[in-house]
Amino acid sequence: ETGSTRVIRYTVVQDAGKAVHPTYVEGQYQGGAAQGIGWALNEEYIYGKDGRLQNPGFLDYRIPVCSDLPMIDTQILEIPNPNHPYGVRGVGETSIVPPLAAIANAVSN
């Protein structure tokens, strides 16, 4: 085996409170998931023996491109937040953390 890992499909389900602009909420969910998948699979800081970062720019630091990413499905749950006057909840890239654990568990299983 090569050890190569590829995510086939990813689903984000999260409570947004009242989704004021659902398209933007979906974009935050998808963008966060894409960043998390990148962190888990191909982003890496490389330091030299002198302690300096060896890949400080976009030419050297590998972030995922569209062909690296799976179809990212989103499901917006709308349970109004009683502690906010408009019922909203924060959704800014909150889906960035779960891909790391999900991918690690899938690989170790």
PDB file of N, CA and C in Angstrom:
ATOM      1  N   GLU A   1       0.825  -1.187   0.000  1.00  0.00           N
ATOM      2  CA  GLU A   1       0.000   0.000   0.000  1.00  0.00           C
ATOM      3  C   GLU A   1       0.869   1.250   0.000  1.00  0.00           C
ATOM      4  N   THR A   2       0.331   2.314  -0.542  1.00  0.00           N
ATOM      5  CA  THR A   2       1.073   3.570  -0.622  1.00  0.00           C
ATOM      6  C   THR A   2       0.889   4.438   0.612  1.00  0.00           C
ATOM      7  N   GLY A   3      -0.153   4.194   1.380  1.00  0.00           N
ATOM      8  CA  GLY A   3      -0.446   5.049   2.526  1.00  0.00           C
ATOM      9  C   GLY A   3      -1.194   6.305   2.136  1.00  0.00           C
ATOM     10  N   SER A   4      -1.507   6.429   0.865  1.00  0.00           N
ATOM     11  CA  SER A   4      -2.247   7.597   0.387  1.00  0.00           C
ATOM     12  C   SER A   4      -3.664   7.589   0.964  1.00  0.00           C
ATOM     13  N   THR A   5      -4.115   8.749   1.392  1.00  0.00           N
ATOM     14  CA  THR A   5      -5.443   8.877   1.983  1.00  0.00           C
ATOM     15  C   THR A   5      -6.235   9.913   1.208  1.00  0.00           C
ATOM     16  N   ARG A   6      -7.472   9.587   0.912  1.00  0.00           N
ATOM     17  CA  ARG A   6      -8.339  10.514   0.185  1.00  0.00           C
ATOM     18  C   ARG A   6      -9.721  10.489   0.821  1.00  0.00           C
ATOM     19  N   VAL A   7     -10.266  11.651   1.056  1.00  0.00           N
ATOM     20  CA  VAL A   7     -11.624  11.758   1.591  1.00  0.00           C
ATOM     21  C   VAL A   7     -12.574  11.724   0.403  1.00  0.00           C
ATOM     22  N   ILE A   8     -13.529  10.809   0.419  1.00  0.00           N
ATOM     23  CA  ILE A   8     -14.458  10.636  -0.702  1.00  0.00           C
ATOM     24  C   ILE A   8     -15.622  11.621  -0.612  1.00  0.00           C
ATOM     25  N   ARG A   9     -16.153  11.784   0.578  1.00  0.00           N
ATOM     26  CA  ARG A   9     -17.301  12.673   0.782  1.00  0.00           C
ATOM     27  C   ARG A   9     -17.252  13.166   2.223  1.00  0.00           C
ATOM     28  N   TYR A  10     -17.713  14.387   2.441  1.00  0.00           N
ATOM     29  CA  TYR A  10     -17.702  14.958   3.787  1.00  0.00           C
ATOM     30  C   TYR A  10     -19.009  15.707   3.997  1.00  0.00           C
ATOM     31  N   THR A  11     -19.584  15.548   5.179  1.00  0.00           N
ATOM     32  CA  THR A  11     -20.850  16.213   5.489  1.00  0.00           C
ATOM     33  C   THR A  11     -20.695  17.038   6.752  1.00  0.00           C
ATOM     34  N   VAL A  12     -21.153  18.281   6.690  1.00  0.00           N
ATOM     35  CA  VAL A  12     -21.156  19.175   7.844  1.00  0.00           C
ATOM     36  C   VAL A  12     -22.610  19.384   8.256  1.00  0.00           C
ATOM     37  N   VAL A  13     -22.915  19.108   9.514  1.00  0.00           N
ATOM     38  CA  VAL A  13     -24.242  19.367  10.078  1.00  0.00           C
ATOM     39  C   VAL A  13     -24.016  20.203  11.323  1.00  0.00           C
ATOM     40  N   GLN A  14     -24.603  21.405  11.345  1.00  0.00           N
ATOM     41  CA  GLN A  14     -24.361  22.284  12.485  1.00  0.00           C
ATOM     42  C   GLN A  14     -25.534  23.217  12.708  1.00  0.00           C
ATOM     43  N   ASP A  15     -25.728  23.555  13.967  1.00  0.00           N
ATOM     44  CA  ASP A  15     -26.768  24.501  14.360  1.00  0.00           C
ATOM     45  C   ASP A  15     -26.259  25.922  14.138  1.00  0.00           C
ATOM     46  N   ALA A  16     -26.958  26.666  13.316  1.00  0.00           N
ATOM     47  CA  ALA A  16     -26.594  28.053  13.036  1.00  0.00           C
ATOM     48  C   ALA A  16     -27.484  29.035  13.783  1.00  0.00           C
ATOM     49  N   GLY A  17     -28.360  28.513  14.651  1.00  0.00           N
ATOM     50  CA  GLY A  17     -29.366  29.401  15.217  1.00  0.00           C
ATOM     51  C   GLY A  17     -30.297  29.782  14.084  1.00  0.00           C
ATOM     52  N   LYS A  18     -30.550  31.043  13.894  1.00  0.00           N
ATOM     53  CA  LYS A  18     -31.304  31.522  12.736  1.00  0.00           C
ATOM     54  C   LYS A  18     -30.293  31.877  11.655  1.00  0.00           C
ATOM     55  N   ALA A  19     -30.319  31.155  10.539  1.00  0.00           N
ATOM     56  CA  ALA A  19     -29.392  31.417   9.431  1.00  0.00           C
ATOM     57  C   ALA A  19     -29.888  32.637   8.660  1.00  0.00           C
ATOM     58  N   VAL A  20     -29.305  33.788   8.931  1.00  0.00           N
ATOM     59  CA  VAL A  20     -29.734  35.033   8.296  1.00  0.00           C
ATOM     60  C   VAL A  20     -29.496  34.982   6.793  1.00  0.00           C
ATOM     61  N   HIS A  21     -28.355  34.450   6.383  1.00  0.00           N
ATOM     62  CA  HIS A  21     -28.033  34.318   4.961  1.00  0.00           C
ATOM     63  C   HIS A  21     -27.503  32.899   4.735  1.00  0.00           C
ATOM     64  N   PRO A  22     -28.389  31.936   4.439  1.00  0.00           N
ATOM     65  CA  PRO A  22     -27.997  30.524   4.354  1.00  0.00           C
ATOM     66  C   PRO A  22     -26.842  30.229   3.396  1.00  0.00           C
ATOM     67  N   THR A  23     -26.758  30.953   2.291  1.00  0.00           N
ATOM     68  CA  THR A  23     -25.669  30.706   1.343  1.00  0.00           C
ATOM     69  C   THR A  23     -24.316  31.017   1.978  1.00  0.00           C
ATOM     70  N   TYR A  24     -24.247  32.088   2.745  1.00  0.00           N
ATOM     71  CA  TYR A  24     -23.002  32.435   3.431  1.00  0.00           C
ATOM     72  C   TYR A  24     -22.675  31.408   4.513  1.00  0.00           C
ATOM     73  N   VAL A  25     -23.702  30.935   5.209  1.00  0.00           N
ATOM     74  CA  VAL A  25     -23.493  29.917   6.241  1.00  0.00           C
ATOM     75  C   VAL A  25     -22.911  28.652   5.606  1.00  0.00           C
ATOM     76  N   GLU A  26     -23.481  28.220   4.492  1.00  0.00           N
ATOM     77  CA  GLU A  26     -22.956  27.044   3.789  1.00  0.00           C
ATOM     78  C   GLU A  26     -21.508  27.263   3.369  1.00  0.00           C
ATOM     79  N   GLY A  27     -21.193  28.459   2.899  1.00  0.00           N
ATOM     80  CA  GLY A  27     -19.820  28.775   2.503  1.00  0.00           C
ATOM     81  C   GLY A  27     -18.854  28.676   3.668  1.00  0.00           C
ATOM     82  N   GLN A  28     -19.275  29.141   4.845  1.00  0.00           N
ATOM     83  CA  GLN A  28     -18.430  29.020   6.034  1.00  0.00           C
ATOM     84  C   GLN A  28     -18.226  27.558   6.414  1.00  0.00           C
ATOM     85  N   TYR A  29     -19.289  26.773   6.340  1.00  0.00           N
ATOM     86  CA  TYR A  29     -19.183  25.341   6.649  1.00  0.00           C
ATOM     87  C   TYR A  29     -18.231  24.649   5.675  1.00  0.00           C
ATOM     88  N   GLN A  30     -18.398  24.917   4.384  1.00  0.00           N
ATOM     89  CA  GLN A  30     -17.564  24.270   3.368  1.00  0.00           C
ATOM     90  C   GLN A  30     -16.111  24.735   3.463  1.00  0.00           C
ATOM     91  N   GLY A  31     -15.907  26.025   3.648  1.00  0.00           N
ATOM     92  CA  GLY A  31     -14.548  26.552   3.754  1.00  0.00           C
ATOM     93  C   GLY A  31     -13.811  26.010   4.965  1.00  0.00           C
ATOM     94  N   GLY A  32     -14.500  25.941   6.092  1.00  0.00           N
ATOM     95  CA  GLY A  32     -13.893  25.380   7.296  1.00  0.00           C
ATOM     96  C   GLY A  32     -13.529  23.918   7.118  1.00  0.00           C
ATOM     97  N   ALA A  33     -14.435  23.156   6.508  1.00  0.00           N
ATOM     98  CA  ALA A  33     -14.164  21.733   6.262  1.00  0.00           C
ATOM     99  C   ALA A  33     -12.967  21.567   5.327  1.00  0.00           C
ATOM    100  N   ALA A  34     -12.889  22.398   4.293  1.00  0.00           N
ATOM    101  CA  ALA A  34     -11.759  22.323   3.353  1.00  0.00           C
ATOM    102  C   ALA A  34     -10.441  22.607   4.070  1.00  0.00           C
ATOM    103  N   GLN A  35     -10.434  23.608   4.946  1.00  0.00           N
ATOM    104  CA  GLN A  35      -9.216  23.911   5.697  1.00  0.00           C
ATOM    105  C   GLN A  35      -8.846  22.761   6.631  1.00  0.00           C
ATOM    106  N   GLY A  36      -9.830  22.190   7.301  1.00  0.00           N
ATOM    107  CA  GLY A  36      -9.565  21.073   8.202  1.00  0.00           C
ATOM    108  C   GLY A  36      -9.030  19.857   7.474  1.00  0.00           C
ATOM    109  N   ILE A  37      -9.585  19.574   6.299  1.00  0.00           N
ATOM    110  CA  ILE A  37      -9.096  18.454   5.487  1.00  0.00           C
ATOM    111  C   ILE A  37      -7.654  18.718   5.056  1.00  0.00           C
ATOM    112  N   GLY A  38      -7.369  19.959   4.677  1.00  0.00           N
ATOM    113  CA  GLY A  38      -5.999  20.326   4.310  1.00  0.00           C
ATOM    114  C   GLY A  38      -5.032  20.153   5.468  1.00  0.00           C
ATOM    115  N   TRP A  39      -5.434  20.600   6.654  1.00  0.00           N
ATOM    116  CA  TRP A  39      -4.576  20.437   7.832  1.00  0.00           C
ATOM    117  C   TRP A  39      -4.287  18.968   8.079  1.00  0.00           C
ATOM    118  N   ALA A  40      -5.313  18.138   7.934  1.00  0.00           N
ATOM    119  CA  ALA A  40      -5.159  16.713   8.247  1.00  0.00           C
ATOM    120  C   ALA A  40      -4.316  15.970   7.220  1.00  0.00           C
ATOM    121  N   LEU A  41      -4.426  16.331   5.956  1.00  0.00           N
ATOM    122  CA  LEU A  41      -3.822  15.504   4.912  1.00  0.00           C
ATOM    123  C   LEU A  41      -2.563  16.050   4.251  1.00  0.00           C
ATOM    124  N   ASN A  42      -2.440  17.371   4.085  1.00  0.00           N
ATOM    125  CA  ASN A  42      -1.280  17.795   3.305  1.00  0.00           C
ATOM    126  C   ASN A  42      -0.608  19.086   3.733  1.00  0.00           C
ATOM    127  N   GLU A  43      -1.098  19.776   4.734  1.00  0.00           N
ATOM    128  CA  GLU A  43      -0.409  20.991   5.152  1.00  0.00           C
ATOM    129  C   GLU A  43       0.649  20.627   6.185  1.00  0.00           C
ATOM    130  N   GLU A  44       1.827  21.235   6.044  1.00  0.00           N
ATOM    131  CA  GLU A  44       2.932  20.901   6.939  1.00  0.00           C
ATOM    132  C   GLU A  44       3.902  22.075   7.019  1.00  0.00           C
ATOM    133  N   TYR A  45       4.284  22.437   8.234  1.00  0.00           N
ATOM    134  CA  TYR A  45       5.343  23.418   8.436  1.00  0.00           C
ATOM    135  C   TYR A  45       6.666  22.668   8.437  1.00  0.00           C
ATOM    136  N   ILE A  46       7.603  23.117   7.627  1.00  0.00           N
ATOM    137  CA  ILE A  46       8.914  22.474   7.559  1.00  0.00           C
ATOM    138  C   ILE A  46       9.960  23.470   8.064  1.00  0.00           C
ATOM    139  N   TYR A  47      10.699  23.057   9.085  1.00  0.00           N
ATOM    140  CA  TYR A  47      11.733  23.907   9.663  1.00  0.00           C
ATOM    141  C   TYR A  47      13.107  23.324   9.373  1.00  0.00           C
ATOM    142  N   GLY A  48      14.055  24.206   9.093  1.00  0.00           N
ATOM    143  CA  GLY A  48      15.432  23.786   8.871  1.00  0.00           C
ATOM    144  C   GLY A  48      16.157  23.586  10.189  1.00  0.00           C
ATOM    145  N   LYS A  49      17.402  23.113  10.106  1.00  0.00           N
ATOM    146  CA  LYS A  49      18.201  22.890  11.319  1.00  0.00           C
ATOM    147  C   LYS A  49      18.467  24.193  12.062  1.00  0.00           C
ATOM    148  N   ASP A  50      18.384  25.309  11.336  1.00  0.00           N
ATOM    149  CA  ASP A  50      18.597  26.609  11.966  1.00  0.00           C
ATOM    150  C   ASP A  50      17.332  27.145  12.633  1.00  0.00           C
ATOM    151  N   GLY A  51      16.232  26.376  12.553  1.00  0.00           N
ATOM    152  CA  GLY A  51      14.979  26.786  13.182  1.00  0.00           C
ATOM    153  C   GLY A  51      14.116  27.695  12.330  1.00  0.00           C
ATOM    154  N   ARG A  52      14.558  27.973  11.113  1.00  0.00           N
ATOM    155  CA  ARG A  52      13.780  28.848  10.231  1.00  0.00           C
ATOM    156  C   ARG A  52      12.776  28.049   9.414  1.00  0.00           C
ATOM    157  N   LEU A  53      11.643  28.678   9.180  1.00  0.00           N
ATOM    158  CA  LEU A  53      10.597  28.053   8.374  1.00  0.00           C
ATOM    159  C   LEU A  53      11.072  27.934   6.930  1.00  0.00           C
ATOM    160  N   GLN A  54      11.009  26.733   6.371  1.00  0.00           N
ATOM    161  CA  GLN A  54      11.502  26.473   5.023  1.00  0.00           C
ATOM    162  C   GLN A  54      10.429  26.623   3.944  1.00  0.00           C
ATOM    163  N   ASN A  55       9.165  26.641   4.339  1.00  0.00           N
ATOM    164  CA  ASN A  55       8.084  26.770   3.355  1.00  0.00           C
ATOM    165  C   ASN A  55       7.132  27.904   3.759  1.00  0.00           C
ATOM    166  N   PRO A  56       7.625  29.157   3.716  1.00  0.00           N
ATOM    167  CA  PRO A  56       6.838  30.271   4.224  1.00  0.00           C
ATOM    168  C   PRO A  56       5.805  30.858   3.259  1.00  0.00           C
ATOM    169  N   GLY A  57       5.826  30.463   1.999  1.00  0.00           N
ATOM    170  CA  GLY A  57       4.928  31.096   1.033  1.00  0.00           C
ATOM    171  C   GLY A  57       3.997  30.117   0.348  1.00  0.00           C
ATOM    172  N   PHE A  58       3.116  30.652  -0.472  1.00  0.00           N
ATOM    173  CA  PHE A  58       2.140  29.824  -1.177  1.00  0.00           C
ATOM    174  C   PHE A  58       2.785  28.892  -2.207  1.00  0.00           C
ATOM    175  N   LEU A  59       3.999  29.191  -2.643  1.00  0.00           N
ATOM    176  CA  LEU A  59       4.670  28.298  -3.583  1.00  0.00           C
ATOM    177  C   LEU A  59       5.225  27.056  -2.892  1.00  0.00           C
ATOM    178  N   ASP A  60       5.487  27.172  -1.591  1.00  0.00           N
ATOM    179  CA  ASP A  60       6.113  26.080  -0.851  1.00  0.00           C
ATOM    180  C   ASP A  60       5.186  25.383   0.136  1.00  0.00           C
ATOM    181  N   TYR A  61       4.182  26.096   0.628  1.00  0.00           N
ATOM    182  CA  TYR A  61       3.275  25.545   1.635  1.00  0.00           C
ATOM    183  C   TYR A  61       2.058  24.992   0.913  1.00  0.00           C
ATOM    184  N   ARG A  62       1.866  23.698   0.970  1.00  0.00           N
ATOM    185  CA  ARG A  62       0.843  23.011   0.170  1.00  0.00           C
ATOM    186  C   ARG A  62      -0.534  23.074   0.828  1.00  0.00           C
ATOM    187  N   ILE A  63      -1.420  23.908   0.278  1.00  0.00           N
ATOM    188  CA  ILE A  63      -2.812  23.931   0.719  1.00  0.00           C
ATOM    189  C   ILE A  63      -3.648  23.164  -0.306  1.00  0.00           C
ATOM    190  N   PRO A  64      -4.811  22.655   0.088  1.00  0.00           N
ATOM    191  CA  PRO A  64      -5.600  21.870  -0.861  1.00  0.00           C
ATOM    192  C   PRO A  64      -6.163  22.732  -1.987  1.00  0.00           C
ATOM    193  N   VAL A  65      -6.212  22.142  -3.156  1.00  0.00           N
ATOM    194  CA  VAL A  65      -6.892  22.758  -4.296  1.00  0.00           C
ATOM    195  C   VAL A  65      -8.166  21.957  -4.540  1.00  0.00           C
ATOM    196  N   CYS A  66      -9.007  22.435  -5.423  1.00  0.00           N
ATOM    197  CA  CYS A  66     -10.309  21.788  -5.643  1.00  0.00           C
ATOM    198  C   CYS A  66     -10.198  20.298  -5.929  1.00  0.00           C
ATOM    199  N   SER A  67      -9.203  19.898  -6.686  1.00  0.00           N
ATOM    200  CA  SER A  67      -9.069  18.479  -7.032  1.00  0.00           C
ATOM    201  C   SER A  67      -8.648  17.616  -5.833  1.00  0.00           C
ATOM    202  N   ASP A  68      -8.189  18.237  -4.748  1.00  0.00           N
ATOM    203  CA  ASP A  68      -7.823  17.500  -3.534  1.00  0.00           C
ATOM    204  C   ASP A  68      -9.018  17.260  -2.617  1.00  0.00           C
ATOM    205  N   LEU A  69     -10.096  17.981  -2.854  1.00  0.00           N
ATOM    206  CA  LEU A  69     -11.214  17.986  -1.912  1.00  0.00           C
ATOM    207  C   LEU A  69     -12.375  17.125  -2.380  1.00  0.00           C
ATOM    208  N   PRO A  70     -13.114  16.574  -1.423  1.00  0.00           N
ATOM    209  CA  PRO A  70     -14.296  15.787  -1.771  1.00  0.00           C
ATOM    210  C   PRO A  70     -15.503  16.699  -1.963  1.00  0.00           C
ATOM    211  N   MET A  71     -16.619  16.113  -2.312  1.00  0.00           N
ATOM    212  CA  MET A  71     -17.887  16.828  -2.278  1.00  0.00           C
ATOM    213  C   MET A  71     -18.179  17.109  -0.802  1.00  0.00           C
ATOM    214  N   ILE A  72     -18.434  18.364  -0.471  1.00  0.00           N
ATOM    215  CA  ILE A  72     -18.726  18.732   0.914  1.00  0.00           C
ATOM    216  C   ILE A  72     -20.197  19.108   0.997  1.00  0.00           C
ATOM    217  N   ASP A  73     -20.979  18.223   1.609  1.00  0.00           N
ATOM    218  CA  ASP A  73     -22.408  18.475   1.798  1.00  0.00           C
ATOM    219  C   ASP A  73     -22.597  19.274   3.080  1.00  0.00           C
ATOM    220  N   THR A  74     -23.617  20.124   3.096  1.00  0.00           N
ATOM    221  CA  THR A  74     -23.904  20.892   4.304  1.00  0.00           C
ATOM    222  C   THR A  74     -25.367  20.739   4.683  1.00  0.00           C
ATOM    223  N   GLN A  75     -25.607  20.734   5.965  1.00  0.00           N
ATOM    224  CA  GLN A  75     -26.963  20.703   6.502  1.00  0.00           C
ATOM    225  C   GLN A  75     -27.012  21.761   7.593  1.00  0.00           C
ATOM    226  N   ILE A  76     -27.829  22.778   7.388  1.00  0.00           N
ATOM    227  CA  ILE A  76     -27.956  23.845   8.372  1.00  0.00           C
ATOM    228  C   ILE A  76     -29.116  23.514   9.300  1.00  0.00           C
ATOM    229  N   LEU A  77     -28.811  23.365  10.586  1.00  0.00           N
ATOM    230  CA  LEU A  77     -29.866  23.219  11.583  1.00  0.00           C
ATOM    231  C   LEU A  77     -30.198  24.609  12.093  1.00  0.00           C
ATOM    232  N   GLU A  78     -31.463  24.921  12.203  1.00  0.00           N
ATOM    233  CA  GLU A  78     -31.858  26.247  12.685  1.00  0.00           C
ATOM    234  C   GLU A  78     -32.662  26.116  13.976  1.00  0.00           C
ATOM    235  N   ILE A  79     -31.940  26.157  15.076  1.00  0.00           N
ATOM    236  CA  ILE A  79     -32.550  26.165  16.399  1.00  0.00           C
ATOM    237  C   ILE A  79     -32.211  27.529  16.989  1.00  0.00           C
ATOM    238  N   PRO A  80     -33.174  28.451  17.021  1.00  0.00           N
ATOM    239  CA  PRO A  80     -32.877  29.825  17.444  1.00  0.00           C
ATOM    240  C   PRO A  80     -32.176  29.894  18.805  1.00  0.00           C
ATOM    241  N   ASN A  81     -31.190  30.756  18.875  1.00  0.00           N
ATOM    242  CA  ASN A  81     -30.435  30.988  20.102  1.00  0.00           C
ATOM    243  C   ASN A  81     -31.244  31.924  20.999  1.00  0.00           C
ATOM    244  N   PRO A  82     -31.727  31.453  22.138  1.00  0.00           N
ATOM    245  CA  PRO A  82     -32.554  32.302  23.000  1.00  0.00           C
ATOM    246  C   PRO A  82     -31.769  33.431  23.659  1.00  0.00           C
ATOM    247  N   ASN A  83     -30.440  33.351  23.628  1.00  0.00           N
ATOM    248  CA  ASN A  83     -29.605  34.367  24.268  1.00  0.00           C
ATOM    249  C   ASN A  83     -29.144  35.463  23.317  1.00  0.00           C
ATOM    250  N   HIS A  84     -29.675  35.473  22.108  1.00  0.00           N
ATOM    251  CA  HIS A  84     -29.312  36.502  21.130  1.00  0.00           C
ATOM    252  C   HIS A  84     -30.594  37.131  20.593  1.00  0.00           C
ATOM    253  N   PRO A  85     -30.625  38.451  20.445  1.00  0.00           N
ATOM    254  CA  PRO A  85     -31.868  39.103  20.007  1.00  0.00           C
ATOM    255  C   PRO A  85     -32.365  38.658  18.631  1.00  0.00           C
ATOM    256  N   TYR A  86     -31.457  38.206  17.757  1.00  0.00           N
ATOM    257  CA  TYR A  86     -31.871  37.740  16.431  1.00  0.00           C
ATOM    258  C   TYR A  86     -31.869  36.214  16.328  1.00  0.00           C
ATOM    259  N   GLY A  87     -31.493  35.536  17.399  1.00  0.00           N
ATOM    260  CA  GLY A  87     -31.511  34.076  17.411  1.00  0.00           C
ATOM    261  C   GLY A  87     -30.356  33.406  16.697  1.00  0.00           C
ATOM    262  N   VAL A  88     -29.311  34.167  16.369  1.00  0.00           N
ATOM    263  CA  VAL A  88     -28.202  33.613  15.584  1.00  0.00           C
ATOM    264  C   VAL A  88     -27.153  32.950  16.478  1.00  0.00           C
ATOM    265  N   ARG A  89     -26.297  32.143  15.847  1.00  0.00           N
ATOM    266  CA  ARG A  89     -25.130  31.545  16.503  1.00  0.00           C
ATOM    267  C   ARG A  89     -23.923  31.768  15.585  1.00  0.00           C
ATOM    268  N   GLY A  90     -22.740  31.735  16.145  1.00  0.00           N
ATOM    269  CA  GLY A  90     -21.528  31.898  15.344  1.00  0.00           C
ATOM    270  C   GLY A  90     -21.301  30.711  14.428  1.00  0.00           C
ATOM    271  N   VAL A  91     -20.961  30.983  13.184  1.00  0.00           N
ATOM    272  CA  VAL A  91     -20.702  29.906  12.222  1.00  0.00           C
ATOM    273  C   VAL A  91     -19.373  30.094  11.494  1.00  0.00           C
ATOM    274  N   GLY A  92     -18.578  31.073  11.885  1.00  0.00           N
ATOM    275  CA  GLY A  92     -17.340  31.383  11.175  1.00  0.00           C
ATOM    276  C   GLY A  92     -16.313  30.270  11.232  1.00  0.00           C
ATOM    277  N   GLU A  93     -16.281  29.461  10.192  1.00  0.00           N
ATOM    278  CA  GLU A  93     -15.304  28.384  10.031  1.00  0.00           C
ATOM    279  C   GLU A  93     -15.278  27.421  11.218  1.00  0.00           C
ATOM    280  N   THR A  94     -16.421  27.232  11.848  1.00  0.00           N
ATOM    281  CA  THR A  94     -16.498  26.320  12.991  1.00  0.00           C
ATOM    282  C   THR A  94     -16.268  24.871  12.592  1.00  0.00           C
ATOM    283  N   SER A  95     -16.421  24.564  11.331  1.00  0.00           N
ATOM    284  CA  SER A  95     -16.250  23.175  10.874  1.00  0.00           C
ATOM    285  C   SER A  95     -14.796  22.841  10.553  1.00  0.00           C
ATOM    286  N   ILE A  96     -13.858  23.669  11.019  1.00  0.00           N
ATOM    287  CA  ILE A  96     -12.448  23.451  10.699  1.00  0.00           C
ATOM    288  C   ILE A  96     -11.813  22.318  11.524  1.00  0.00           C
ATOM    289  N   VAL A  97     -12.295  22.075  12.726  1.00  0.00           N
ATOM    290  CA  VAL A  97     -11.663  21.101  13.622  1.00  0.00           C
ATOM    291  C   VAL A  97     -12.108  19.652  13.392  1.00  0.00           C
ATOM    292  N   PRO A  98     -13.388  19.359  13.198  1.00  0.00           N
ATOM    293  CA  PRO A  98     -13.818  17.955  13.089  1.00  0.00           C
ATOM    294  C   PRO A  98     -13.132  17.108  12.015  1.00  0.00           C
ATOM    295  N   PRO A  99     -12.746  17.652  10.849  1.00  0.00           N
ATOM    296  CA  PRO A  99     -12.102  16.777   9.859  1.00  0.00           C
ATOM    297  C   PRO A  99     -10.828  16.105  10.365  1.00  0.00           C
ATOM    298  N   LEU A 100     -10.066  16.787  11.205  1.00  0.00           N
ATOM    299  CA  LEU A 100      -8.824  16.189  11.704  1.00  0.00           C
ATOM    300  C   LEU A 100      -9.110  14.915  12.488  1.00  0.00           C
ATOM    301  N   ALA A 101     -10.070  14.971  13.400  1.00  0.00           N
ATOM    302  CA  ALA A 101     -10.407  13.787  14.196  1.00  0.00           C
ATOM    303  C   ALA A 101     -11.066  12.715  13.337  1.00  0.00           C
ATOM    304  N   ALA A 102     -11.957  13.119  12.436  1.00  0.00           N
ATOM    305  CA  ALA A 102     -12.654  12.142  11.588  1.00  0.00           C
ATOM    306  C   ALA A 102     -11.672  11.394  10.690  1.00  0.00           C
ATOM    307  N   ILE A 103     -10.732  12.116  10.095  1.00  0.00           N
ATOM    308  CA  ILE A 103      -9.753  11.480   9.205  1.00  0.00           C
ATOM    309  C   ILE A 103      -8.801  10.594  10.012  1.00  0.00           C
ATOM    310  N   ALA A 104      -8.354  11.076  11.172  1.00  0.00           N
ATOM    311  CA  ALA A 104      -7.468  10.263  12.015  1.00  0.00           C
ATOM    312  C   ALA A 104      -8.155   8.965  12.433  1.00  0.00           C
ATOM    313  N   ASN A 105      -9.421   9.051  12.816  1.00  0.00           N
ATOM    314  CA  ASN A 105     -10.152   7.843  13.207  1.00  0.00           C
ATOM    315  C   ASN A 105     -10.350   6.899  12.032  1.00  0.00           C
ATOM    316  N   ALA A 106     -10.636   7.450  10.863  1.00  0.00           N
ATOM    317  CA  ALA A 106     -10.842   6.604   9.681  1.00  0.00           C
ATOM    318  C   ALA A 106      -9.555   5.880   9.292  1.00  0.00           C
ATOM    319  N   VAL A 107      -8.432   6.578   9.378  1.00  0.00           N
ATOM    320  CA  VAL A 107      -7.148   5.978   9.004  1.00  0.00           C
ATOM    321  C   VAL A 107      -6.740   4.904  10.013  1.00  0.00           C
ATOM    322  N   SER A 108      -6.969   5.157  11.292  1.00  0.00           N
ATOM    323  CA  SER A 108      -6.556   4.190  12.318  1.00  0.00           C
ATOM    324  C   SER A 108      -7.494   2.994  12.411  1.00  0.00           C
ATOM    325  N   ASN A 109      -8.663   3.106  11.796  1.00  0.00           N
ATOM    326  CA  ASN A 109      -9.651   2.028  11.885  1.00  0.00           C
ATOM    327  C   ASN A 109      -9.372   1.017  10.795  1.00  0.00           C
TER     328      ASN A 109
END
